[in-house]
Amino acid sequence: MKVESITLMFLALCIFLSFYFTFLSFQMIDDTFKKQLVVLAASSLITGVVIFACLTIYVGIKKTLSHVEDQLIEGEE
């Protein structure tokens, strides 16, 4: 499985969890549980975005370094 597809699946999971926790917060009667679910939803969304950004940067650096490595190998020949 490619890193790009894993990244997109993880981002989709975090976004789904964020919406799910938000939906549950609307169903709760107690304000304390509502606030905790909203915090969980926000932290899930933020975690997904941060990990998506980190993995995107990782993939970009990996592609750039492999391209530079290919150029160095061609230059030696």
PDB file of N, CA and C in Angstrom:
ATOM      1  N   MET A   1       0.845  -1.174   0.000  1.00  0.00           N
ATOM      2  CA  MET A   1       0.000   0.000   0.000  1.00  0.00           C
ATOM      3  C   MET A   1       0.893   1.241   0.000  1.00  0.00           C
ATOM      4  N   LYS A   2       0.535   2.207  -0.814  1.00  0.00           N
ATOM      5  CA  LYS A   2       1.356   3.406  -0.922  1.00  0.00           C
ATOM      6  C   LYS A   2       1.120   4.340   0.262  1.00  0.00           C
ATOM      7  N   VAL A   3       2.127   5.159   0.500  1.00  0.00           N
ATOM      8  CA  VAL A   3       2.047   6.103   1.617  1.00  0.00           C
ATOM      9  C   VAL A   3       0.931   7.114   1.378  1.00  0.00           C
ATOM     10  N   GLU A   4       0.724   7.505   0.119  1.00  0.00           N
ATOM     11  CA  GLU A   4      -0.319   8.490  -0.180  1.00  0.00           C
ATOM     12  C   GLU A   4      -1.708   7.966   0.178  1.00  0.00           C
ATOM     13  N   SER A   5      -1.962   6.703  -0.134  1.00  0.00           N
ATOM     14  CA  SER A   5      -3.286   6.150   0.174  1.00  0.00           C
ATOM     15  C   SER A   5      -3.472   5.969   1.682  1.00  0.00           C
ATOM     16  N   ILE A   6      -2.400   5.604   2.374  1.00  0.00           N
ATOM     17  CA  ILE A   6      -2.482   5.484   3.833  1.00  0.00           C
ATOM     18  C   ILE A   6      -2.758   6.851   4.453  1.00  0.00           C
ATOM     19  N   THR A   7      -2.103   7.882   3.919  1.00  0.00           N
ATOM     20  CA  THR A   7      -2.307   9.238   4.417  1.00  0.00           C
ATOM     21  C   THR A   7      -3.755   9.675   4.229  1.00  0.00           C
ATOM     22  N   LEU A   8      -4.299   9.423   3.054  1.00  0.00           N
ATOM     23  CA  LEU A   8      -5.686   9.821   2.795  1.00  0.00           C
ATOM     24  C   LEU A   8      -6.673   9.026   3.650  1.00  0.00           C
ATOM     25  N   MET A   9      -6.394   7.745   3.866  1.00  0.00           N
ATOM     26  CA  MET A   9      -7.279   6.949   4.720  1.00  0.00           C
ATOM     27  C   MET A   9      -7.246   7.450   6.157  1.00  0.00           C
ATOM     28  N   PHE A  10      -6.057   7.796   6.646  1.00  0.00           N
ATOM     29  CA  PHE A  10      -5.941   8.300   8.012  1.00  0.00           C
ATOM     30  C   PHE A  10      -6.650   9.645   8.156  1.00  0.00           C
ATOM     31  N   LEU A  11      -6.501  10.522   7.163  1.00  0.00           N
ATOM     32  CA  LEU A  11      -7.181  11.815   7.203  1.00  0.00           C
ATOM     33  C   LEU A  11      -8.695  11.624   7.177  1.00  0.00           C
ATOM     34  N   ALA A  12      -9.171  10.712   6.339  1.00  0.00           N
ATOM     35  CA  ALA A  12     -10.609  10.445   6.276  1.00  0.00           C
ATOM     36  C   ALA A  12     -11.126   9.896   7.605  1.00  0.00           C
ATOM     37  N   LEU A  13     -10.343   9.036   8.251  1.00  0.00           N
ATOM     38  CA  LEU A  13     -10.735   8.494   9.549  1.00  0.00           C
ATOM     39  C   LEU A  13     -10.840   9.594  10.598  1.00  0.00           C
ATOM     40  N   CYS A  14      -9.868  10.491  10.631  1.00  0.00           N
ATOM     41  CA  CYS A  14      -9.901  11.577  11.620  1.00  0.00           C
ATOM     42  C   CYS A  14     -11.066  12.530  11.368  1.00  0.00           C
ATOM     43  N   ILE A  15     -11.348  12.818  10.114  1.00  0.00           N
ATOM     44  CA  ILE A  15     -12.481  13.691   9.797  1.00  0.00           C
ATOM     45  C   ILE A  15     -13.795  13.003  10.174  1.00  0.00           C
ATOM     46  N   PHE A  16     -13.896  11.704   9.892  1.00  0.00           N
ATOM     47  CA  PHE A  16     -15.097  10.963  10.281  1.00  0.00           C
ATOM     48  C   PHE A  16     -15.293  10.993  11.794  1.00  0.00           C
ATOM     49  N   LEU A  17     -14.207  10.740  12.541  1.00  0.00           N
ATOM     50  CA  LEU A  17     -14.315  10.776  14.001  1.00  0.00           C
ATOM     51  C   LEU A  17     -14.717  12.158  14.500  1.00  0.00           C
ATOM     52  N   SER A  18     -14.210  13.182  13.859  1.00  0.00           N
ATOM     53  CA  SER A  18     -14.564  14.540  14.254  1.00  0.00           C
ATOM     54  C   SER A  18     -16.064  14.786  14.076  1.00  0.00           C
ATOM     55  N   PHE A  19     -16.598  14.399  12.922  1.00  0.00           N
ATOM     56  CA  PHE A  19     -18.032  14.572  12.697  1.00  0.00           C
ATOM     57  C   PHE A  19     -18.858  13.681  13.628  1.00  0.00           C
ATOM     58  N   TYR A  20     -18.368  12.491  13.889  1.00  0.00           N
ATOM     59  CA  TYR A  20     -19.091  11.575  14.774  1.00  0.00           C
ATOM     60  C   TYR A  20     -19.167  12.130  16.195  1.00  0.00           C
ATOM     61  N   PHE A  21     -18.049  12.626  16.709  1.00  0.00           N
ATOM     62  CA  PHE A  21     -18.058  13.203  18.052  1.00  0.00           C
ATOM     63  C   PHE A  21     -18.933  14.452  18.109  1.00  0.00           C
ATOM     64  N   THR A  22     -18.937  15.227  17.040  1.00  0.00           N
ATOM     65  CA  THR A  22     -19.804  16.406  16.996  1.00  0.00           C
ATOM     66  C   THR A  22     -21.273  15.987  17.011  1.00  0.00           C
ATOM     67  N   PHE A  23     -21.602  14.964  16.230  1.00  0.00           N
ATOM     68  CA  PHE A  23     -22.971  14.453  16.213  1.00  0.00           C
ATOM     69  C   PHE A  23     -23.380  13.946  17.596  1.00  0.00           C
ATOM     70  N   LEU A  24     -22.483  13.221  18.260  1.00  0.00           N
ATOM     71  CA  LEU A  24     -22.792  12.729  19.603  1.00  0.00           C
ATOM     72  C   LEU A  24     -22.973  13.870  20.600  1.00  0.00           C
ATOM     73  N   SER A  25     -22.226  14.953  20.411  1.00  0.00           N
ATOM     74  CA  SER A  25     -22.368  16.074  21.340  1.00  0.00           C
ATOM     75  C   SER A  25     -23.748  16.717  21.227  1.00  0.00           C
ATOM     76  N   PHE A  26     -24.352  16.662  20.037  1.00  0.00           N
ATOM     77  CA  PHE A  26     -25.707  17.187  19.894  1.00  0.00           C
ATOM     78  C   PHE A  26     -26.733  16.287  20.583  1.00  0.00           C
ATOM     79  N   GLN A  27     -26.419  15.019  20.745  1.00  0.00           N
ATOM     80  CA  GLN A  27     -27.346  14.071  21.352  1.00  0.00           C
ATOM     81  C   GLN A  27     -27.285  14.071  22.879  1.00  0.00           C
ATOM     82  N   MET A  28     -26.198  14.573  23.437  1.00  0.00           N
ATOM     83  CA  MET A  28     -26.006  14.547  24.887  1.00  0.00           C
ATOM     84  C   MET A  28     -26.873  15.593  25.579  1.00  0.00           C
ATOM     85  N   ILE A  29     -27.299  15.265  26.766  1.00  0.00           N
ATOM     86  CA  ILE A  29     -28.095  16.192  27.565  1.00  0.00           C
ATOM     87  C   ILE A  29     -27.200  16.976  28.516  1.00  0.00           C
ATOM     88  N   ASP A  30     -26.219  16.306  29.084  1.00  0.00           N
ATOM     89  CA  ASP A  30     -25.328  16.921  30.066  1.00  0.00           C
ATOM     90  C   ASP A  30     -24.297  17.813  29.363  1.00  0.00           C
ATOM     91  N   ASP A  31     -24.126  19.028  29.886  1.00  0.00           N
ATOM     92  CA  ASP A  31     -23.194  19.975  29.276  1.00  0.00           C
ATOM     93  C   ASP A  31     -21.740  19.535  29.404  1.00  0.00           C
ATOM     94  N   THR A  32     -21.410  18.845  30.471  1.00  0.00           N
ATOM     95  CA  THR A  32     -20.028  18.388  30.658  1.00  0.00           C
ATOM     96  C   THR A  32     -19.633  17.404  29.563  1.00  0.00           C
ATOM     97  N   PHE A  33     -20.512  16.459  29.268  1.00  0.00           N
ATOM     98  CA  PHE A  33     -20.224  15.493  28.210  1.00  0.00           C
ATOM     99  C   PHE A  33     -20.195  16.164  26.843  1.00  0.00           C
ATOM    100  N   LYS A  34     -21.064  17.163  26.650  1.00  0.00           N
ATOM    101  CA  LYS A  34     -21.055  17.894  25.384  1.00  0.00           C
ATOM    102  C   LYS A  34     -19.712  18.561  25.150  1.00  0.00           C
ATOM    103  N   LYS A  35     -19.205  19.219  26.188  1.00  0.00           N
ATOM    104  CA  LYS A  35     -17.920  19.908  26.061  1.00  0.00           C
ATOM    105  C   LYS A  35     -16.790  18.920  25.810  1.00  0.00           C
ATOM    106  N   GLN A  36     -16.810  17.782  26.484  1.00  0.00           N
ATOM    107  CA  GLN A  36     -15.763  16.778  26.280  1.00  0.00           C
ATOM    108  C   GLN A  36     -15.802  16.210  24.862  1.00  0.00           C
ATOM    109  N   LEU A  37     -16.996  15.996  24.338  1.00  0.00           N
ATOM    110  CA  LEU A  37     -17.105  15.477  22.979  1.00  0.00           C
ATOM    111  C   LEU A  37     -16.668  16.510  21.945  1.00  0.00           C
ATOM    112  N   VAL A  38     -16.955  17.776  22.197  1.00  0.00           N
ATOM    113  CA  VAL A  38     -16.499  18.823  21.280  1.00  0.00           C
ATOM    114  C   VAL A  38     -14.980  18.925  21.312  1.00  0.00           C
ATOM    115  N   VAL A  39     -14.399  18.792  22.493  1.00  0.00           N
ATOM    116  CA  VAL A  39     -12.933  18.800  22.601  1.00  0.00           C
ATOM    117  C   VAL A  39     -12.349  17.598  21.863  1.00  0.00           C
ATOM    118  N   LEU A  40     -12.970  16.426  22.010  1.00  0.00           N
ATOM    119  CA  LEU A  40     -12.516  15.246  21.274  1.00  0.00           C
ATOM    120  C   LEU A  40     -12.627  15.452  19.767  1.00  0.00           C
ATOM    121  N   ALA A  41     -13.716  16.065  19.318  1.00  0.00           N
ATOM    122  CA  ALA A  41     -13.893  16.318  17.891  1.00  0.00           C
ATOM    123  C   ALA A  41     -12.826  17.269  17.370  1.00  0.00           C
ATOM    124  N   ALA A  42     -12.566  18.331  18.118  1.00  0.00           N
ATOM    125  CA  ALA A  42     -11.555  19.296  17.683  1.00  0.00           C
ATOM    126  C   ALA A  42     -10.163  18.681  17.688  1.00  0.00           C
ATOM    127  N   SER A  43      -9.854  17.918  18.719  1.00  0.00           N
ATOM    128  CA  SER A  43      -8.521  17.307  18.776  1.00  0.00           C
ATOM    129  C   SER A  43      -8.347  16.250  17.695  1.00  0.00           C
ATOM    130  N   SER A  44      -9.405  15.541  17.360  1.00  0.00           N
ATOM    131  CA  SER A  44      -9.332  14.559  16.281  1.00  0.00           C
ATOM    132  C   SER A  44      -9.074  15.242  14.946  1.00  0.00           C
ATOM    133  N   LEU A  45      -9.759  16.338  14.706  1.00  0.00           N
ATOM    134  CA  LEU A  45      -9.561  17.067  13.456  1.00  0.00           C
ATOM    135  C   LEU A  45      -8.161  17.663  13.380  1.00  0.00           C
ATOM    136  N   ILE A  46      -7.702  18.253  14.459  1.00  0.00           N
ATOM    137  CA  ILE A  46      -6.365  18.852  14.478  1.00  0.00           C
ATOM    138  C   ILE A  46      -5.297  17.773  14.308  1.00  0.00           C
ATOM    139  N   THR A  47      -5.463  16.637  14.975  1.00  0.00           N
ATOM    140  CA  THR A  47      -4.510  15.539  14.839  1.00  0.00           C
ATOM    141  C   THR A  47      -4.447  15.040  13.405  1.00  0.00           C
ATOM    142  N   GLY A  48      -5.598  14.895  12.786  1.00  0.00           N
ATOM    143  CA  GLY A  48      -5.633  14.446  11.393  1.00  0.00           C
ATOM    144  C   GLY A  48      -4.925  15.401  10.460  1.00  0.00           C
ATOM    145  N   VAL A  49      -5.158  16.690  10.636  1.00  0.00           N
ATOM    146  CA  VAL A  49      -4.528  17.685   9.767  1.00  0.00           C
ATOM    147  C   VAL A  49      -3.020  17.729   9.991  1.00  0.00           C
ATOM    148  N   VAL A  50      -2.585  17.654  11.241  1.00  0.00           N
ATOM    149  CA  VAL A  50      -1.143  17.707  11.537  1.00  0.00           C
ATOM    150  C   VAL A  50      -0.431  16.478  10.977  1.00  0.00           C
ATOM    151  N   ILE A  51      -0.992  15.306  11.188  1.00  0.00           N
ATOM    152  CA  ILE A  51      -0.353  14.095  10.672  1.00  0.00           C
ATOM    153  C   ILE A  51      -0.398  14.077   9.150  1.00  0.00           C
ATOM    154  N   PHE A  52      -1.475  14.568   8.552  1.00  0.00           N
ATOM    155  CA  PHE A  52      -1.541  14.670   7.096  1.00  0.00           C
ATOM    156  C   PHE A  52      -0.450  15.594   6.571  1.00  0.00           C
ATOM    157  N   ALA A  53      -0.241  16.727   7.232  1.00  0.00           N
ATOM    158  CA  ALA A  53       0.805  17.657   6.803  1.00  0.00           C
ATOM    159  C   ALA A  53       2.188  17.030   6.952  1.00  0.00           C
ATOM    160  N   CYS A  54       2.424  16.346   8.059  1.00  0.00           N
ATOM    161  CA  CYS A  54       3.734  15.703   8.272  1.00  0.00           C
ATOM    162  C   CYS A  54       4.000  14.627   7.230  1.00  0.00           C
ATOM    163  N   LEU A  55       3.005  13.791   6.952  1.00  0.00           N
ATOM    164  CA  LEU A  55       3.203  12.742   5.960  1.00  0.00           C
ATOM    165  C   LEU A  55       3.352  13.308   4.554  1.00  0.00           C
ATOM    166  N   THR A  56       2.663  14.396   4.253  1.00  0.00           N
ATOM    167  CA  THR A  56       2.818  15.034   2.951  1.00  0.00           C
ATOM    168  C   THR A  56       4.220  15.602   2.794  1.00  0.00           C
ATOM    169  N   ILE A  57       4.739  16.230   3.830  1.00  0.00           N
ATOM    170  CA  ILE A  57       6.110  16.743   3.790  1.00  0.00           C
ATOM    171  C   ILE A  57       7.093  15.590   3.647  1.00  0.00           C
ATOM    172  N   TYR A  58       6.862  14.495   4.364  1.00  0.00           N
ATOM    173  CA  TYR A  58       7.730  13.321   4.271  1.00  0.00           C
ATOM    174  C   TYR A  58       7.763  12.768   2.846  1.00  0.00           C
ATOM    175  N   VAL A  59       6.593  12.631   2.230  1.00  0.00           N
ATOM    176  CA  VAL A  59       6.530  12.106   0.868  1.00  0.00           C
ATOM    177  C   VAL A  59       7.226  13.059  -0.100  1.00  0.00           C
ATOM    178  N   GLY A  60       7.038  14.356   0.088  1.00  0.00           N
ATOM    179  CA  GLY A  60       7.705  15.330  -0.775  1.00  0.00           C
ATOM    180  C   GLY A  60       9.212  15.265  -0.659  1.00  0.00           C
ATOM    181  N   ILE A  61       9.715  15.163   0.559  1.00  0.00           N
ATOM    182  CA  ILE A  61      11.165  15.066   0.761  1.00  0.00           C
ATOM    183  C   ILE A  61      11.690  13.759   0.181  1.00  0.00           C
ATOM    184  N   LYS A  62      10.957  12.682   0.369  1.00  0.00           N
ATOM    185  CA  LYS A  62      11.379  11.382  -0.152  1.00  0.00           C
ATOM    186  C   LYS A  62      11.466  11.406  -1.677  1.00  0.00           C
ATOM    187  N   LYS A  63      10.473  11.994  -2.341  1.00  0.00           N
ATOM    188  CA  LYS A  63      10.498  12.082  -3.801  1.00  0.00           C
ATOM    189  C   LYS A  63      11.629  12.976  -4.282  1.00  0.00           C
ATOM    190  N   THR A  64      11.853  14.077  -3.587  1.00  0.00           N
ATOM    191  CA  THR A  64      12.925  14.992  -3.977  1.00  0.00           C
ATOM    192  C   THR A  64      14.281  14.324  -3.832  1.00  0.00           C
ATOM    193  N   LEU A  65      14.503  13.634  -2.720  1.00  0.00           N
ATOM    194  CA  LEU A  65      15.789  12.976  -2.508  1.00  0.00           C
ATOM    195  C   LEU A  65      16.009  11.835  -3.488  1.00  0.00           C
ATOM    196  N   SER A  66      14.966  11.108  -3.843  1.00  0.00           N
ATOM    197  CA  SER A  66      15.135  10.033  -4.821  1.00  0.00           C
ATOM    198  C   SER A  66      15.443  10.607  -6.200  1.00  0.00           C
ATOM    199  N   HIS A  67      14.848  11.760  -6.522  1.00  0.00           N
ATOM    200  CA  HIS A  67      15.131  12.415  -7.800  1.00  0.00           C
ATOM    201  C   HIS A  67      16.579  12.897  -7.840  1.00  0.00           C
ATOM    202  N   VAL A  68      17.067  13.478  -6.760  1.00  0.00           N
ATOM    203  CA  VAL A  68      18.454  13.945  -6.686  1.00  0.00           C
ATOM    204  C   VAL A  68      19.405  12.758  -6.740  1.00  0.00           C
ATOM    205  N   GLU A  69      19.055  11.673  -6.071  1.00  0.00           N
ATOM    206  CA  GLU A  69      19.898  10.478  -6.087  1.00  0.00           C
ATOM    207  C   GLU A  69      19.999   9.904  -7.497  1.00  0.00           C
ATOM    208  N   ASP A  70      18.887   9.892  -8.225  1.00  0.00           N
ATOM    209  CA  ASP A  70      18.910   9.411  -9.607  1.00  0.00           C
ATOM    210  C   ASP A  70      19.804  10.282 -10.479  1.00  0.00           C
ATOM    211  N   GLN A  71      19.763  11.588 -10.269  1.00  0.00           N
ATOM    212  CA  GLN A  71      20.621  12.487 -11.042  1.00  0.00           C
ATOM    213  C   GLN A  71      22.088  12.258 -10.713  1.00  0.00           C
ATOM    214  N   LEU A  72      22.405  12.004  -9.448  1.00  0.00           N
ATOM    215  CA  LEU A  72      23.794  11.745  -9.069  1.00  0.00           C
ATOM    216  C   LEU A  72      24.300  10.438  -9.673  1.00  0.00           C
ATOM    217  N   ILE A  73      23.454   9.429  -9.700  1.00  0.00           N
ATOM    218  CA  ILE A  73      23.850   8.147 -10.290  1.00  0.00           C
ATOM    219  C   ILE A  73      24.072   8.306 -11.788  1.00  0.00           C
ATOM    220  N   GLU A  74      23.211   9.052 -12.473  1.00  0.00           N
ATOM    221  CA  GLU A  74      23.383   9.293 -13.904  1.00  0.00           C
ATOM    222  C   GLU A  74      24.632  10.116 -14.175  1.00  0.00           C
ATOM    223  N   GLY A  75      24.981  11.024 -13.290  1.00  0.00           N
ATOM    224  CA  GLY A  75      26.172  11.857 -13.459  1.00  0.00           C
ATOM    225  C   GLY A  75      27.458  11.068 -13.306  1.00  0.00           C
ATOM    226  N   GLU A  76      27.443  10.010 -12.498  1.00  0.00           N
ATOM    227  CA  GLU A  76      28.636   9.195 -12.300  1.00  0.00           C
ATOM    228  C   GLU A  76      28.918   8.310 -13.501  1.00  0.00           C
ATOM    229  N   GLU A  77      27.892   7.969 -14.251  1.00  0.00           N
ATOM    230  CA  GLU A  77      28.067   7.056 -15.389  1.00  0.00           C
ATOM    231  C   GLU A  77      28.551   7.755 -16.579  1.00  0.00           C
TER     232      GLU A  77
END
